[in-house]
Amino acid sequence: MVDGKKLIHISLILIGIFFYNCLSIAMEKPYHHLPDGTFRNPEGSPVRSKDVKFSYRTFIKEKKKIDITGFIRFKKISG
């Protein structure tokens, strides 16, 4: 039979290996990251014009038009 301390050590080692693998996968940079720190757009994406200014006023107005009721899930809180 396996001792309790050995079982804890084995489980901690397995958890450590799992987290190491997850972190090493996460550290690989995705396709859109370039080595010099800039980003590349996917093929077919629109080209951004330099002379267009961003308007927070327009952004807020357009954001209010979005219907998010389908995404919100209500939970009944029992008291």
C-alpha atoms as a PDB file:
ATOM      1  CA  MET A   1       0.000   0.000   0.000  1.00  0.00           C
ATOM      2  CA  VAL A   2       1.191   3.525  -0.769  1.00  0.00           C
ATOM      3  CA  ASP A   3       2.044   5.768   2.170  1.00  0.00           C
ATOM      4  CA  GLY A   4       0.010   9.017   2.511  1.00  0.00           C
ATOM      5  CA  LYS A   5       3.114  11.238   2.207  1.00  0.00           C
ATOM      6  CA  LYS A   6       4.260   9.463  -0.953  1.00  0.00           C
ATOM      7  CA  LEU A   7       0.813   9.891  -2.471  1.00  0.00           C
ATOM      8  CA  ILE A   8       0.893  13.628  -1.725  1.00  0.00           C
ATOM      9  CA  HIS A   9       4.375  13.971  -3.235  1.00  0.00           C
ATOM     10  CA  ILE A  10       3.383  12.084  -6.370  1.00  0.00           C
ATOM     11  CA  SER A  11       0.222  14.168  -6.807  1.00  0.00           C
ATOM     12  CA  LEU A  12       2.180  17.431  -6.331  1.00  0.00           C
ATOM     13  CA  ILE A  13       4.723  16.352  -8.922  1.00  0.00           C
ATOM     14  CA  LEU A  14       1.965  15.503 -11.412  1.00  0.00           C
ATOM     15  CA  ILE A  15       0.227  18.834 -10.775  1.00  0.00           C
ATOM     16  CA  GLY A  16       3.550  20.648 -11.270  1.00  0.00           C
ATOM     17  CA  ILE A  17       4.172  18.884 -14.576  1.00  0.00           C
ATOM     18  CA  PHE A  18       0.642  19.738 -15.730  1.00  0.00           C
ATOM     19  CA  PHE A  19       1.044  23.444 -14.903  1.00  0.00           C
ATOM     20  CA  TYR A  20       4.482  23.583 -16.519  1.00  0.00           C
ATOM     21  CA  ASN A  21       3.071  22.148 -19.741  1.00  0.00           C
ATOM     22  CA  CYS A  22       0.166  24.603 -19.712  1.00  0.00           C
ATOM     23  CA  LEU A  23       2.474  27.579 -19.170  1.00  0.00           C
ATOM     24  CA  SER A  24       4.937  26.513 -21.846  1.00  0.00           C
ATOM     25  CA  ILE A  25       2.126  26.228 -24.386  1.00  0.00           C
ATOM     26  CA  ALA A  26       0.788  29.643 -23.376  1.00  0.00           C
ATOM     27  CA  MET A  27       4.192  31.282 -23.802  1.00  0.00           C
ATOM     28  CA  GLU A  28       4.352  30.405 -27.511  1.00  0.00           C
ATOM     29  CA  LYS A  29       3.375  33.505 -29.439  1.00  0.00           C
ATOM     30  CA  PRO A  30       0.403  33.303 -31.792  1.00  0.00           C
ATOM     31  CA  TYR A  31       0.669  33.854 -35.537  1.00  0.00           C
ATOM     32  CA  HIS A  32      -0.325  37.532 -35.429  1.00  0.00           C
ATOM     33  CA  HIS A  33       2.598  38.504 -33.122  1.00  0.00           C
ATOM     34  CA  LEU A  34       5.766  39.502 -34.966  1.00  0.00           C
ATOM     35  CA  PRO A  35       9.302  39.256 -33.479  1.00  0.00           C
ATOM     36  CA  ASP A  36       9.719  43.054 -33.396  1.00  0.00           C
ATOM     37  CA  GLY A  37       6.648  43.457 -31.124  1.00  0.00           C
ATOM     38  CA  THR A  38       4.207  44.583 -33.801  1.00  0.00           C
ATOM     39  CA  PHE A  39       1.137  42.724 -35.017  1.00  0.00           C
ATOM     40  CA  ARG A  40       0.077  41.359 -38.379  1.00  0.00           C
ATOM     41  CA  ASN A  41      -3.539  41.363 -39.514  1.00  0.00           C
ATOM     42  CA  PRO A  42      -5.086  38.187 -40.894  1.00  0.00           C
ATOM     43  CA  GLU A  43      -5.510  37.905 -44.648  1.00  0.00           C
ATOM     44  CA  GLY A  44      -8.611  39.672 -45.910  1.00  0.00           C
ATOM     45  CA  SER A  45      -8.871  42.135 -43.044  1.00  0.00           C
ATOM     46  CA  PRO A  46      -9.505  45.765 -43.991  1.00  0.00           C
ATOM     47  CA  VAL A  47      -6.587  48.183 -44.236  1.00  0.00           C
ATOM     48  CA  ARG A  48      -6.770  50.899 -41.614  1.00  0.00           C
ATOM     49  CA  SER A  49      -6.436  54.451 -42.868  1.00  0.00           C
ATOM     50  CA  LYS A  50      -4.048  56.761 -40.984  1.00  0.00           C
ATOM     51  CA  ASP A  51      -6.226  59.870 -41.426  1.00  0.00           C
ATOM     52  CA  VAL A  52      -9.347  58.464 -39.683  1.00  0.00           C
ATOM     53  CA  LYS A  53      -9.713  59.718 -36.116  1.00  0.00           C
ATOM     54  CA  PHE A  54     -11.314  57.563 -33.437  1.00  0.00           C
ATOM     55  CA  SER A  55     -14.417  59.068 -31.836  1.00  0.00           C
ATOM     56  CA  TYR A  56     -15.333  57.908 -28.337  1.00  0.00           C
ATOM     57  CA  ARG A  57     -18.690  59.646 -28.714  1.00  0.00           C
ATOM     58  CA  THR A  58     -19.570  57.538 -31.755  1.00  0.00           C
ATOM     59  CA  PHE A  59     -18.197  54.421 -30.040  1.00  0.00           C
ATOM     60  CA  ILE A  60     -20.417  54.913 -26.972  1.00  0.00           C
ATOM     61  CA  LYS A  61     -23.504  55.542 -29.141  1.00  0.00           C
ATOM     62  CA  GLU A  62     -22.869  52.402 -31.199  1.00  0.00           C
ATOM     63  CA  LYS A  63     -22.090  50.351 -28.093  1.00  0.00           C
ATOM     64  CA  LYS A  64     -25.497  51.232 -26.612  1.00  0.00           C
ATOM     65  CA  LYS A  65     -27.208  49.833 -29.729  1.00  0.00           C
ATOM     66  CA  ILE A  66     -25.826  46.323 -29.144  1.00  0.00           C
ATOM     67  CA  ASP A  67     -28.374  43.898 -27.695  1.00  0.00           C
ATOM     68  CA  ILE A  68     -26.620  41.770 -25.072  1.00  0.00           C
ATOM     69  CA  THR A  69     -29.704  40.259 -23.437  1.00  0.00           C
ATOM     70  CA  GLY A  70     -28.989  36.907 -25.099  1.00  0.00           C
ATOM     71  CA  PHE A  71     -25.594  36.721 -23.416  1.00  0.00           C
ATOM     72  CA  ILE A  72     -26.678  37.570 -19.875  1.00  0.00           C
ATOM     73  CA  ARG A  73     -27.747  34.648 -17.725  1.00  0.00           C
ATOM     74  CA  PHE A  74     -29.594  35.503 -14.582  1.00  0.00           C
ATOM     75  CA  LYS A  75     -29.174  33.420 -11.451  1.00  0.00           C
ATOM     76  CA  LYS A  76     -31.748  33.342  -8.702  1.00  0.00           C
ATOM     77  CA  ILE A  77     -30.076  34.258  -5.453  1.00  0.00           C
ATOM     78  CA  SER A  78     -31.751  32.552  -2.536  1.00  0.00           C
ATOM     79  CA  GLY A  79     -31.699  34.578   0.634  1.00  0.00           C
END
